[in-house]
Amino acid sequence: MSLSKLLVGIVKALCIFCFLFLTVSLVLMIVSRNVSFINFDVMWTDEIGRYLLVYLVFLGCGLGMVEGKHIAVDYFLKKMPKRVQTYVELLNEIVTIIFCLVMIGGGYILVKSTRTQAVATLRKYFFMPMAWWNSAVMVGGFIMLIAVSVNIFKRFRKKDGLGSENHKTEV
């Protein structure tokens, strides 16, 4: 198994874990609010659910980029000559790289500024810095940056220079 497949597998496992834990925490929240004989505090489930959803979205965006499954409106692109399509796709990938770099930079600033802030309802149980949850922006941006960079590298590695085929990224 190659390193890239292992890393994609780890990200998929993290997505599955986030989804399962999100589901369990939300079911626990619903049950605790609607069943009268449960007398313990589960205020944390709402906040954990929110942060797990954020992480799930950013990890899922990264996986979508790796597997080439992001939505695309390509009606006009398909009407262009192949050579122009190639350059428009390359321009799109360059803009995406810039966006990912902004995400990573903004995520770093966010993480740095929230290192000492604790999650409000979780403070009662254990100290969990907000930076852990805010790092989702950086992690998702980094996964997408790697996926787009690999796409560009594969595009230039082809014999004819710029290839125009859409393909999955194997990071």
C-alpha atoms as a PDB file:
ATOM      1  CA  MET A   1       0.000   0.000   0.000  1.00  0.00           C
ATOM      2  CA  SER A   2       1.461   3.340  -1.004  1.00  0.00           C
ATOM      3  CA  LEU A   3       1.810   6.275   1.361  1.00  0.00           C
ATOM      4  CA  SER A   4      -0.779   8.262  -0.585  1.00  0.00           C
ATOM      5  CA  LYS A   5      -3.421   5.542  -0.251  1.00  0.00           C
ATOM      6  CA  LEU A   6      -2.618   5.250   3.444  1.00  0.00           C
ATOM      7  CA  LEU A   7      -3.080   8.998   3.965  1.00  0.00           C
ATOM      8  CA  VAL A   8      -6.370   9.017   2.032  1.00  0.00           C
ATOM      9  CA  GLY A   9      -7.491   6.042   4.116  1.00  0.00           C
ATOM     10  CA  ILE A  10      -6.652   7.915   7.323  1.00  0.00           C
ATOM     11  CA  VAL A  11      -8.658  10.951   6.195  1.00  0.00           C
ATOM     12  CA  LYS A  12     -11.590   8.696   5.258  1.00  0.00           C
ATOM     13  CA  ALA A  13     -11.383   6.998   8.667  1.00  0.00           C
ATOM     14  CA  LEU A  14     -11.395  10.419  10.354  1.00  0.00           C
ATOM     15  CA  CYS A  15     -14.489  11.360   8.354  1.00  0.00           C
ATOM     16  CA  ILE A  16     -16.221   8.163   9.410  1.00  0.00           C
ATOM     17  CA  PHE A  17     -15.235   8.722  13.053  1.00  0.00           C
ATOM     18  CA  CYS A  18     -16.483  12.331  12.961  1.00  0.00           C
ATOM     19  CA  PHE A  19     -19.768  11.262  11.403  1.00  0.00           C
ATOM     20  CA  LEU A  20     -20.353   8.421  13.863  1.00  0.00           C
ATOM     21  CA  PHE A  21     -19.448  10.509  16.914  1.00  0.00           C
ATOM     22  CA  LEU A  22     -21.602  13.359  15.590  1.00  0.00           C
ATOM     23  CA  THR A  23     -24.539  10.980  15.224  1.00  0.00           C
ATOM     24  CA  VAL A  24     -24.068   9.509  18.706  1.00  0.00           C
ATOM     25  CA  SER A  25     -23.742  12.925  20.356  1.00  0.00           C
ATOM     26  CA  LEU A  26     -26.845  14.274  18.626  1.00  0.00           C
ATOM     27  CA  VAL A  27     -28.907  11.191  19.489  1.00  0.00           C
ATOM     28  CA  LEU A  28     -27.751  11.545  23.105  1.00  0.00           C
ATOM     29  CA  MET A  29     -28.782  15.213  23.055  1.00  0.00           C
ATOM     30  CA  ILE A  30     -32.249  14.393  21.696  1.00  0.00           C
ATOM     31  CA  VAL A  31     -32.792  11.551  24.147  1.00  0.00           C
ATOM     32  CA  SER A  32     -31.623  13.611  27.139  1.00  0.00           C
ATOM     33  CA  ARG A  33     -34.022  16.440  26.269  1.00  0.00           C
ATOM     34  CA  ASN A  34     -37.041  14.223  25.699  1.00  0.00           C
ATOM     35  CA  VAL A  35     -36.677  11.497  28.330  1.00  0.00           C
ATOM     36  CA  SER A  36     -37.587  12.804  31.763  1.00  0.00           C
ATOM     37  CA  PHE A  37     -35.767  10.247  33.944  1.00  0.00           C
ATOM     38  CA  ILE A  38     -32.309  11.127  32.546  1.00  0.00           C
ATOM     39  CA  ASN A  39     -30.883  13.521  35.120  1.00  0.00           C
ATOM     40  CA  PHE A  40     -27.387  14.215  33.856  1.00  0.00           C
ATOM     41  CA  ASP A  41     -25.985  17.221  32.053  1.00  0.00           C
ATOM     42  CA  VAL A  42     -25.346  16.698  28.336  1.00  0.00           C
ATOM     43  CA  MET A  43     -24.994  20.340  27.317  1.00  0.00           C
ATOM     44  CA  TRP A  44     -21.705  19.481  25.647  1.00  0.00           C
ATOM     45  CA  THR A  45     -23.394  17.414  22.926  1.00  0.00           C
ATOM     46  CA  ASP A  46     -24.622  20.489  21.068  1.00  0.00           C
ATOM     47  CA  GLU A  47     -21.190  22.069  20.904  1.00  0.00           C
ATOM     48  CA  ILE A  48     -19.346  18.845  20.122  1.00  0.00           C
ATOM     49  CA  GLY A  49     -21.852  18.180  17.335  1.00  0.00           C
ATOM     50  CA  ARG A  50     -21.270  21.619  15.846  1.00  0.00           C
ATOM     51  CA  TYR A  51     -17.489  21.283  15.861  1.00  0.00           C
ATOM     52  CA  LEU A  52     -17.537  17.735  14.527  1.00  0.00           C
ATOM     53  CA  LEU A  53     -19.724  18.890  11.660  1.00  0.00           C
ATOM     54  CA  VAL A  54     -17.223  21.645  10.845  1.00  0.00           C
ATOM     55  CA  TYR A  55     -14.348  19.152  10.848  1.00  0.00           C
ATOM     56  CA  LEU A  56     -16.382  16.714   8.764  1.00  0.00           C
ATOM     57  CA  VAL A  57     -17.055  19.413   6.162  1.00  0.00           C
ATOM     58  CA  PHE A  58     -13.410  20.436   5.818  1.00  0.00           C
ATOM     59  CA  LEU A  59     -12.121  16.861   5.722  1.00  0.00           C
ATOM     60  CA  GLY A  60     -14.841  15.988   3.203  1.00  0.00           C
ATOM     61  CA  CYS A  61     -13.876  18.948   1.008  1.00  0.00           C
ATOM     62  CA  GLY A  62     -10.304  17.717   0.992  1.00  0.00           C
ATOM     63  CA  LEU A  63     -11.416  14.207   0.050  1.00  0.00           C
ATOM     64  CA  GLY A  64     -13.683  15.611  -2.652  1.00  0.00           C
ATOM     65  CA  MET A  65     -10.708  17.416  -4.135  1.00  0.00           C
ATOM     66  CA  VAL A  66      -8.503  14.306  -3.922  1.00  0.00           C
ATOM     67  CA  GLU A  67     -11.112  12.139  -5.636  1.00  0.00           C
ATOM     68  CA  GLY A  68     -12.128  14.790  -8.183  1.00  0.00           C
ATOM     69  CA  LYS A  69     -15.754  14.822  -7.023  1.00  0.00           C
ATOM     70  CA  HIS A  70     -16.352  18.521  -6.441  1.00  0.00           C
ATOM     71  CA  ILE A  71     -19.233  19.973  -8.394  1.00  0.00           C
ATOM     72  CA  ALA A  72     -18.280  21.752 -11.585  1.00  0.00           C
ATOM     73  CA  VAL A  73     -20.250  23.758 -14.110  1.00  0.00           C
ATOM     74  CA  ASP A  74     -18.520  22.865 -17.330  1.00  0.00           C
ATOM     75  CA  TYR A  75     -21.116  23.697 -19.977  1.00  0.00           C
ATOM     76  CA  PHE A  76     -19.085  26.539 -21.515  1.00  0.00           C
ATOM     77  CA  LEU A  77     -15.790  24.770 -20.880  1.00  0.00           C
ATOM     78  CA  LYS A  78     -16.866  21.798 -23.025  1.00  0.00           C
ATOM     79  CA  LYS A  79     -17.753  24.172 -25.890  1.00  0.00           C
ATOM     80  CA  MET A  80     -14.171  25.527 -26.020  1.00  0.00           C
ATOM     81  CA  PRO A  81     -11.331  24.008 -28.040  1.00  0.00           C
ATOM     82  CA  LYS A  82      -9.271  21.385 -26.153  1.00  0.00           C
ATOM     83  CA  ARG A  83      -6.244  23.632 -25.867  1.00  0.00           C
ATOM     84  CA  VAL A  84      -8.311  26.477 -24.354  1.00  0.00           C
ATOM     85  CA  GLN A  85     -10.014  23.997 -22.003  1.00  0.00           C
ATOM     86  CA  THR A  86      -6.601  22.963 -20.752  1.00  0.00           C
ATOM     87  CA  TYR A  87      -5.554  26.529 -19.989  1.00  0.00           C
ATOM     88  CA  VAL A  88      -8.882  27.359 -18.304  1.00  0.00           C
ATOM     89  CA  GLU A  89      -8.545  24.238 -16.130  1.00  0.00           C
ATOM     90  CA  LEU A  90      -4.974  25.233 -15.255  1.00  0.00           C
ATOM     91  CA  LEU A  91      -6.124  28.751 -14.364  1.00  0.00           C
ATOM     92  CA  ASN A  92      -8.843  27.219 -12.174  1.00  0.00           C
ATOM     93  CA  GLU A  93      -6.257  25.100 -10.380  1.00  0.00           C
ATOM     94  CA  ILE A  94      -3.991  28.112  -9.810  1.00  0.00           C
ATOM     95  CA  VAL A  95      -6.901  30.102  -8.343  1.00  0.00           C
ATOM     96  CA  THR A  96      -7.727  27.098  -6.159  1.00  0.00           C
ATOM     97  CA  ILE A  97      -4.132  26.988  -4.898  1.00  0.00           C
ATOM     98  CA  ILE A  98      -4.328  30.670  -3.983  1.00  0.00           C
ATOM     99  CA  PHE A  99      -7.621  30.019  -2.181  1.00  0.00           C
ATOM    100  CA  CYS A 100      -6.087  27.081  -0.283  1.00  0.00           C
ATOM    101  CA  LEU A 101      -3.105  29.199   0.758  1.00  0.00           C
ATOM    102  CA  VAL A 102      -5.484  31.878   2.061  1.00  0.00           C
ATOM    103  CA  MET A 103      -7.387  29.170   3.962  1.00  0.00           C
ATOM    104  CA  ILE A 104      -4.205  27.819   5.509  1.00  0.00           C
ATOM    105  CA  GLY A 105      -2.946  31.290   6.435  1.00  0.00           C
ATOM    106  CA  GLY A 106      -6.289  32.378   7.856  1.00  0.00           C
ATOM    107  CA  GLY A 107      -6.623  29.085   9.710  1.00  0.00           C
ATOM    108  CA  TYR A 108      -3.171  29.555  11.224  1.00  0.00           C
ATOM    109  CA  ILE A 109      -4.091  33.029  12.456  1.00  0.00           C
ATOM    110  CA  LEU A 110      -7.342  31.656  13.886  1.00  0.00           C
ATOM    111  CA  VAL A 111      -5.598  28.766  15.629  1.00  0.00           C
ATOM    112  CA  LYS A 112      -2.901  31.041  17.017  1.00  0.00           C
ATOM    113  CA  SER A 113      -5.446  33.489  18.422  1.00  0.00           C
ATOM    114  CA  THR A 114      -7.607  30.789  20.071  1.00  0.00           C
ATOM    115  CA  ARG A 115      -4.925  28.665  21.732  1.00  0.00           C
ATOM    116  CA  THR A 116      -5.945  29.755  25.225  1.00  0.00           C
ATOM    117  CA  GLN A 117      -9.717  29.938  24.712  1.00  0.00           C
ATOM    118  CA  ALA A 118     -11.645  26.937  25.984  1.00  0.00           C
ATOM    119  CA  VAL A 119     -14.858  25.564  24.520  1.00  0.00           C
ATOM    120  CA  ALA A 120     -17.587  27.064  26.735  1.00  0.00           C
ATOM    121  CA  THR A 121     -19.615  24.005  27.692  1.00  0.00           C
ATOM    122  CA  LEU A 122     -16.661  21.632  27.658  1.00  0.00           C
ATOM    123  CA  ARG A 123     -14.680  23.749  30.136  1.00  0.00           C
ATOM    124  CA  LYS A 124     -16.724  22.115  32.911  1.00  0.00           C
ATOM    125  CA  TYR A 125     -15.481  18.635  31.964  1.00  0.00           C
ATOM    126  CA  PHE A 126     -11.985  19.145  30.599  1.00  0.00           C
ATOM    127  CA  PHE A 127      -9.923  21.904  29.023  1.00  0.00           C
ATOM    128  CA  MET A 128     -10.191  21.762  25.253  1.00  0.00           C
ATOM    129  CA  PRO A 129      -8.719  24.756  23.431  1.00  0.00           C
ATOM    130  CA  MET A 130     -10.772  26.209  20.597  1.00  0.00           C
ATOM    131  CA  ALA A 131      -7.608  25.969  18.505  1.00  0.00           C
ATOM    132  CA  TRP A 132      -8.199  22.200  18.185  1.00  0.00           C
ATOM    133  CA  TRP A 133     -11.527  22.784  16.507  1.00  0.00           C
ATOM    134  CA  ASN A 134     -10.423  25.818  14.511  1.00  0.00           C
ATOM    135  CA  SER A 135      -7.571  23.812  13.006  1.00  0.00           C
ATOM    136  CA  ALA A 136     -10.155  22.244  10.672  1.00  0.00           C
ATOM    137  CA  VAL A 137      -9.705  25.206   8.309  1.00  0.00           C
ATOM    138  CA  MET A 138      -5.969  24.595   8.052  1.00  0.00           C
ATOM    139  CA  VAL A 139      -6.278  20.825   7.737  1.00  0.00           C
ATOM    140  CA  GLY A 140      -8.911  21.018   4.985  1.00  0.00           C
ATOM    141  CA  GLY A 141      -6.950  23.695   3.126  1.00  0.00           C
ATOM    142  CA  PHE A 142      -3.776  21.645   3.337  1.00  0.00           C
ATOM    143  CA  ILE A 143      -5.451  18.488   1.977  1.00  0.00           C
ATOM    144  CA  MET A 144      -6.972  20.465  -0.912  1.00  0.00           C
ATOM    145  CA  LEU A 145      -3.644  22.191  -1.627  1.00  0.00           C
ATOM    146  CA  ILE A 146      -1.873  18.853  -1.904  1.00  0.00           C
ATOM    147  CA  ALA A 147      -4.609  17.451  -4.176  1.00  0.00           C
ATOM    148  CA  VAL A 148      -4.511  20.423  -6.565  1.00  0.00           C
ATOM    149  CA  SER A 149      -0.707  20.461  -6.588  1.00  0.00           C
ATOM    150  CA  VAL A 150      -0.654  16.775  -7.526  1.00  0.00           C
ATOM    151  CA  ASN A 151      -3.160  17.483 -10.329  1.00  0.00           C
ATOM    152  CA  ILE A 152      -0.947  20.223 -11.738  1.00  0.00           C
ATOM    153  CA  PHE A 153       2.142  18.037 -11.426  1.00  0.00           C
ATOM    154  CA  LYS A 154       0.411  15.209 -13.302  1.00  0.00           C
ATOM    155  CA  ARG A 155      -0.776  17.645 -15.955  1.00  0.00           C
ATOM    156  CA  PHE A 156       2.771  18.852 -16.668  1.00  0.00           C
ATOM    157  CA  ARG A 157       4.284  15.390 -16.450  1.00  0.00           C
ATOM    158  CA  LYS A 158       2.348  14.211 -19.494  1.00  0.00           C
ATOM    159  CA  LYS A 159       4.304  13.941 -22.749  1.00  0.00           C
ATOM    160  CA  ASP A 160       2.318  16.645 -24.516  1.00  0.00           C
ATOM    161  CA  GLY A 161       2.873  19.134 -21.692  1.00  0.00           C
ATOM    162  CA  LEU A 162      -0.609  20.147 -20.628  1.00  0.00           C
ATOM    163  CA  GLY A 163      -3.087  17.276 -20.717  1.00  0.00           C
ATOM    164  CA  SER A 164      -6.790  18.019 -20.582  1.00  0.00           C
ATOM    165  CA  GLU A 165      -8.201  14.872 -19.029  1.00  0.00           C
ATOM    166  CA  ASN A 166     -10.027  15.121 -15.724  1.00  0.00           C
ATOM    167  CA  HIS A 167      -8.767  12.474 -13.371  1.00  0.00           C
ATOM    168  CA  LYS A 168      -8.743  11.521  -9.738  1.00  0.00           C
ATOM    169  CA  THR A 169      -5.878  12.818  -7.682  1.00  0.00           C
ATOM    170  CA  GLU A 170      -3.958  10.142  -5.904  1.00  0.00           C
ATOM    171  CA  VAL A 171      -2.177  12.085  -3.230  1.00  0.00           C
END
